């Protein structure tokens, strides 16, 4: 006799989020998003300590927490207000000298 299987099985956070989307459970989805955002907000102060601070401090001020059902997100910089954020994070290649700046 075959073992009875569950209608939906969740093996990880992404699978659980997908299952909640299929079940259309809005309340539990909102709770998962809130838990992810709370986790991201705990990391923001450490990120603000580590970021290099220039004359304006815009990069440090732009660090914010966001979340979805399946992941916590920490955002820093926007192309319009802090266009150098990506260069600070990854470094930058300078064509004229052929060198790469340190991240």
N, C-alpha and C. Protein backbone atom coordinates (compact mmCIF):
# COMPACT_ATOMS: atom_id res chain seq x y z
N UNK A 1 0.84 -1.17 0.00
CA UNK A 1 0.00 0.00 0.00
C UNK A 1 0.89 1.24 0.00
N UNK A 2 0.57 2.21 -0.85
CA UNK A 2 1.36 3.43 -0.98
C UNK A 2 1.13 4.36 0.21
N UNK A 3 2.21 5.01 0.58
CA UNK A 3 2.15 5.97 1.68
C UNK A 3 1.37 7.21 1.22
N UNK A 4 0.40 7.68 2.00
CA UNK A 4 -0.35 8.87 1.59
C UNK A 4 0.56 10.10 1.58
N UNK A 5 0.43 10.90 0.52
CA UNK A 5 1.26 12.10 0.39
C UNK A 5 0.46 13.34 0.72
N UNK A 6 1.16 14.34 1.19
CA UNK A 6 0.52 15.62 1.49
C UNK A 6 0.18 16.32 0.19
N UNK A 7 -0.81 17.18 0.24
CA UNK A 7 -1.22 17.93 -0.93
C UNK A 7 -0.09 18.86 -1.37
N UNK A 8 0.53 19.54 -0.42
CA UNK A 8 1.66 20.43 -0.71
C UNK A 8 2.74 20.18 0.33
N UNK A 9 3.96 20.00 -0.13
CA UNK A 9 5.09 19.80 0.77
C UNK A 9 6.03 20.99 0.65
N UNK A 10 6.55 21.45 1.77
CA UNK A 10 7.48 22.58 1.77
C UNK A 10 8.83 22.10 2.29
N UNK A 11 9.86 22.25 1.47
CA UNK A 11 11.18 21.79 1.87
C UNK A 11 12.13 22.91 2.23
N UNK A 12 11.78 24.13 1.90
CA UNK A 12 12.63 25.27 2.19
C UNK A 12 11.79 26.54 2.14
N UNK A 13 12.44 27.66 2.38
CA UNK A 13 11.71 28.91 2.45
C UNK A 13 11.07 29.27 1.10
N UNK A 14 11.78 29.04 0.00
CA UNK A 14 11.21 29.34 -1.31
C UNK A 14 10.02 28.43 -1.63
N UNK A 15 10.17 27.18 -1.31
CA UNK A 15 9.09 26.23 -1.55
C UNK A 15 7.88 26.58 -0.68
N UNK A 16 8.14 26.96 0.55
CA UNK A 16 7.05 27.36 1.44
C UNK A 16 6.35 28.61 0.91
N UNK A 17 7.11 29.59 0.44
CA UNK A 17 6.52 30.81 -0.11
C UNK A 17 5.67 30.49 -1.34
N UNK A 18 6.16 29.60 -2.20
CA UNK A 18 5.39 29.19 -3.38
C UNK A 18 4.11 28.47 -2.98
N UNK A 19 4.21 27.62 -1.97
CA UNK A 19 3.02 26.90 -1.50
C UNK A 19 1.98 27.87 -0.95
N UNK A 20 2.43 28.90 -0.23
CA UNK A 20 1.50 29.89 0.30
C UNK A 20 0.84 30.69 -0.82
N UNK A 21 1.61 30.95 -1.88
CA UNK A 21 1.03 31.65 -3.03
C UNK A 21 -0.04 30.78 -3.69
N UNK A 22 0.22 29.48 -3.79
CA UNK A 22 -0.75 28.55 -4.39
C UNK A 22 -2.01 28.47 -3.52
N UNK A 23 -1.81 28.39 -2.20
CA UNK A 23 -2.94 28.31 -1.28
C UNK A 23 -3.66 29.64 -1.09
N UNK A 24 -3.04 30.73 -1.54
CA UNK A 24 -3.58 32.08 -1.40
C UNK A 24 -3.83 32.44 0.06
N UNK A 25 -2.87 32.10 0.93
CA UNK A 25 -2.96 32.42 2.35
C UNK A 25 -2.28 33.77 2.58
N UNK A 26 -3.04 34.83 2.50
CA UNK A 26 -2.51 36.20 2.60
C UNK A 26 -1.95 36.49 3.99
N UNK A 27 -2.63 36.04 5.02
CA UNK A 27 -2.21 36.34 6.39
C UNK A 27 -0.84 35.73 6.72
N UNK A 28 -0.65 34.47 6.39
CA UNK A 28 0.63 33.83 6.67
C UNK A 28 1.74 34.39 5.78
N UNK A 29 1.40 34.76 4.55
CA UNK A 29 2.37 35.38 3.65
C UNK A 29 2.86 36.71 4.24
N UNK A 30 1.94 37.50 4.78
CA UNK A 30 2.31 38.77 5.40
C UNK A 30 3.20 38.56 6.62
N UNK A 31 2.91 37.53 7.40
CA UNK A 31 3.73 37.22 8.57
C UNK A 31 5.14 36.79 8.16
N UNK A 32 5.25 36.01 7.08
CA UNK A 32 6.58 35.60 6.61
C UNK A 32 7.37 36.81 6.11
N UNK A 33 6.71 37.72 5.42
CA UNK A 33 7.37 38.94 4.93
C UNK A 33 7.83 39.79 6.11
N UNK A 34 7.00 39.91 7.14
CA UNK A 34 7.37 40.69 8.32
C UNK A 34 8.57 40.08 9.05
N UNK A 35 8.61 38.76 9.12
CA UNK A 35 9.75 38.08 9.77
C UNK A 35 11.03 38.29 8.96
N UNK A 36 10.93 38.24 7.64
CA UNK A 36 12.10 38.48 6.79
C UNK A 36 12.59 39.92 6.94
N UNK A 37 11.67 40.86 7.01
CA UNK A 37 12.05 42.27 7.15
C UNK A 37 12.69 42.52 8.52
N UNK A 38 12.17 41.88 9.55
CA UNK A 38 12.75 42.03 10.90
C UNK A 38 14.19 41.52 10.91
N UNK A 39 14.44 40.42 10.21
CA UNK A 39 15.80 39.89 10.13
C UNK A 39 16.72 40.85 9.39
N UNK A 40 16.23 41.44 8.30
CA UNK A 40 17.04 42.40 7.53
C UNK A 40 17.33 43.65 8.34
N UNK A 41 16.35 44.13 9.12
CA UNK A 41 16.54 45.34 9.92
C UNK A 41 17.59 45.16 11.01
N UNK A 42 17.81 43.93 11.45
CA UNK A 42 18.85 43.67 12.45
C UNK A 42 20.25 43.80 11.86
N UNK A 43 20.38 43.65 10.55
CA UNK A 43 21.68 43.72 9.88
C UNK A 43 22.03 45.14 9.45
N UNK A 44 21.02 45.98 9.25
CA UNK A 44 21.25 47.35 8.76
C UNK A 44 22.25 48.13 9.60
N UNK A 45 22.19 48.11 10.95
CA UNK A 45 23.18 48.88 11.72
C UNK A 45 24.63 48.43 11.45
N UNK A 46 24.85 47.15 11.24
CA UNK A 46 26.21 46.66 10.93
C UNK A 46 26.66 47.15 9.57
N UNK A 47 25.72 47.18 8.60
CA UNK A 47 26.05 47.68 7.27
C UNK A 47 26.40 49.16 7.33
N UNK A 48 25.68 49.92 8.13
CA UNK A 48 25.93 51.35 8.26
C UNK A 48 27.28 51.63 8.92
N UNK A 49 27.73 50.73 9.81
CA UNK A 49 29.05 50.87 10.43
C UNK A 49 30.17 50.66 9.42
N UNK A 50 29.98 49.74 8.49
CA UNK A 50 31.03 49.33 7.55
C UNK A 50 31.15 50.21 6.31
N UNK A 51 30.10 50.96 5.95
CA UNK A 51 30.11 51.73 4.72
C UNK A 51 31.06 52.93 4.84
N UNK A 52 31.84 53.21 3.78
CA UNK A 52 32.69 54.39 3.81
C UNK A 52 31.84 55.66 3.76
N UNK A 53 32.20 56.64 4.57
CA UNK A 53 31.41 57.86 4.64
C UNK A 53 32.19 58.99 3.99
N UNK A 54 31.59 59.59 2.96
CA UNK A 54 32.20 60.73 2.28
C UNK A 54 31.75 62.03 2.91
N UNK A 55 31.83 63.10 2.16
CA UNK A 55 31.47 64.42 2.65
C UNK A 55 29.97 64.54 2.91
N UNK A 56 29.15 63.89 2.08
CA UNK A 56 27.70 64.04 2.22
C UNK A 56 27.06 62.97 3.10
N UNK A 57 27.60 61.78 3.15
CA UNK A 57 27.02 60.68 3.92
C UNK A 57 25.77 60.10 3.29
N UNK A 58 25.56 60.35 1.99
CA UNK A 58 24.35 59.87 1.31
C UNK A 58 24.29 58.35 1.22
N UNK A 59 25.42 57.71 0.99
CA UNK A 59 25.41 56.25 0.86
C UNK A 59 24.98 55.61 2.16
N UNK A 60 25.51 56.08 3.27
CA UNK A 60 25.15 55.55 4.57
C UNK A 60 23.66 55.77 4.86
N UNK A 61 23.15 56.94 4.50
CA UNK A 61 21.75 57.26 4.75
C UNK A 61 20.80 56.46 3.85
N UNK A 62 21.31 55.95 2.73
CA UNK A 62 20.44 55.24 1.79
C UNK A 62 20.26 53.76 2.12
N UNK A 63 20.95 53.24 3.11
CA UNK A 63 20.84 51.81 3.46
C UNK A 63 19.50 51.55 4.14
N UNK A 64 18.73 50.64 3.54
CA UNK A 64 17.40 50.32 4.05
C UNK A 64 17.13 48.83 3.96
N UNK A 65 16.21 48.35 4.79
CA UNK A 65 15.81 46.95 4.78
C UNK A 65 14.49 46.79 4.02
N UNK A 66 14.38 45.70 3.30
CA UNK A 66 13.16 45.35 2.58
C UNK A 66 13.04 43.83 2.63
N UNK A 67 11.91 43.29 2.23
CA UNK A 67 11.74 41.84 2.29
C UNK A 67 10.62 41.37 1.37
N UNK A 68 10.71 40.09 1.05
CA UNK A 68 9.64 39.38 0.37
C UNK A 68 9.29 38.19 1.25
N UNK A 69 8.41 37.34 0.78
CA UNK A 69 8.09 36.14 1.57
C UNK A 69 9.29 35.24 1.75
N UNK A 70 10.16 35.20 0.73
CA UNK A 70 11.23 34.20 0.76
C UNK A 70 12.63 34.76 1.02
N UNK A 71 12.78 36.09 1.08
CA UNK A 71 14.13 36.61 1.32
C UNK A 71 14.12 37.98 1.98
N UNK A 72 15.17 38.22 2.73
CA UNK A 72 15.40 39.53 3.34
C UNK A 72 16.36 40.28 2.43
N UNK A 73 16.11 41.57 2.21
CA UNK A 73 16.91 42.36 1.28
C UNK A 73 17.41 43.62 1.98
N UNK A 74 18.68 43.93 1.76
CA UNK A 74 19.24 45.18 2.26
C UNK A 74 19.68 45.97 1.05
N UNK A 75 19.09 47.16 0.87
CA UNK A 75 19.36 47.99 -0.30
C UNK A 75 20.23 49.16 0.11
N UNK A 76 21.13 49.54 -0.80
CA UNK A 76 21.98 50.71 -0.54
C UNK A 76 22.18 51.46 -1.85
N UNK A 77 21.90 52.74 -1.84
CA UNK A 77 22.15 53.59 -3.00
C UNK A 77 21.09 53.44 -4.07
N UNK A 78 20.92 54.52 -4.82
CA UNK A 78 20.05 54.52 -5.98
C UNK A 78 20.81 55.18 -7.12
N UNK A 79 20.54 54.82 -8.36
CA UNK A 79 21.29 55.41 -9.47
C UNK A 79 21.16 56.93 -9.55
N UNK A 80 20.02 57.47 -9.15
CA UNK A 80 19.83 58.91 -9.23
C UNK A 80 20.50 59.70 -8.13
N UNK A 81 20.41 59.21 -6.90
CA UNK A 81 20.91 59.97 -5.75
C UNK A 81 22.31 59.56 -5.31
N UNK A 82 22.64 58.29 -5.45
CA UNK A 82 23.96 57.79 -5.04
C UNK A 82 24.52 56.92 -6.16
N UNK A 83 24.92 57.54 -7.29
CA UNK A 83 25.35 56.75 -8.45
C UNK A 83 26.66 55.98 -8.24
N UNK A 84 27.43 56.34 -7.22
CA UNK A 84 28.72 55.69 -6.97
C UNK A 84 28.59 54.45 -6.07
N UNK A 85 27.39 54.08 -5.66
CA UNK A 85 27.20 52.96 -4.73
C UNK A 85 27.75 51.65 -5.29
N UNK A 86 27.52 51.38 -6.56
CA UNK A 86 28.01 50.13 -7.16
C UNK A 86 29.53 50.11 -7.22
N UNK A 87 30.16 51.25 -7.51
CA UNK A 87 31.62 51.32 -7.55
C UNK A 87 32.21 51.09 -6.16
N UNK A 88 31.55 51.57 -5.12
CA UNK A 88 32.03 51.35 -3.75
C UNK A 88 31.91 49.87 -3.39
N UNK A 89 30.82 49.25 -3.83
CA UNK A 89 30.57 47.85 -3.48
C UNK A 89 31.47 46.88 -4.24
N UNK A 90 31.63 47.07 -5.55
CA UNK A 90 32.35 46.11 -6.38
C UNK A 90 33.71 46.57 -6.85
N UNK A 91 34.02 47.83 -6.67
CA UNK A 91 35.24 48.36 -7.26
C UNK A 91 34.93 48.89 -8.65
N UNK A 92 35.93 49.51 -9.29
CA UNK A 92 35.67 50.11 -10.59
C UNK A 92 36.91 50.00 -11.45
N UNK A 93 36.73 49.77 -12.72
CA UNK A 93 37.82 49.70 -13.67
C UNK A 93 38.04 51.08 -14.27
N UNK A 94 39.28 51.56 -14.22
CA UNK A 94 39.62 52.87 -14.78
C UNK A 94 40.33 52.64 -16.09
N UNK A 95 39.67 53.01 -17.19
CA UNK A 95 40.17 52.75 -18.53
C UNK A 95 41.51 53.44 -18.80
N UNK A 96 41.65 54.69 -18.40
CA UNK A 96 42.84 55.46 -18.73
C UNK A 96 44.12 54.87 -18.14
N UNK A 97 44.01 54.29 -16.94
CA UNK A 97 45.20 53.70 -16.30
C UNK A 97 45.25 52.19 -16.44
N UNK A 98 44.12 51.58 -16.76
CA UNK A 98 44.08 50.12 -16.88
C UNK A 98 44.06 49.42 -15.52
N UNK A 99 43.78 50.16 -14.47
CA UNK A 99 43.76 49.60 -13.13
C UNK A 99 42.33 49.47 -12.60
N UNK A 100 42.20 48.69 -11.57
CA UNK A 100 40.90 48.49 -10.94
C UNK A 100 40.96 49.02 -9.50
N UNK A 101 39.95 49.77 -9.09
CA UNK A 101 39.92 50.26 -7.72
C UNK A 101 39.44 49.14 -6.79
N UNK A 102 39.82 49.25 -5.55
CA UNK A 102 39.45 48.24 -4.57
C UNK A 102 38.02 48.46 -4.08
N UNK A 103 37.29 47.39 -3.89
CA UNK A 103 35.91 47.49 -3.40
C UNK A 103 35.89 47.80 -1.92
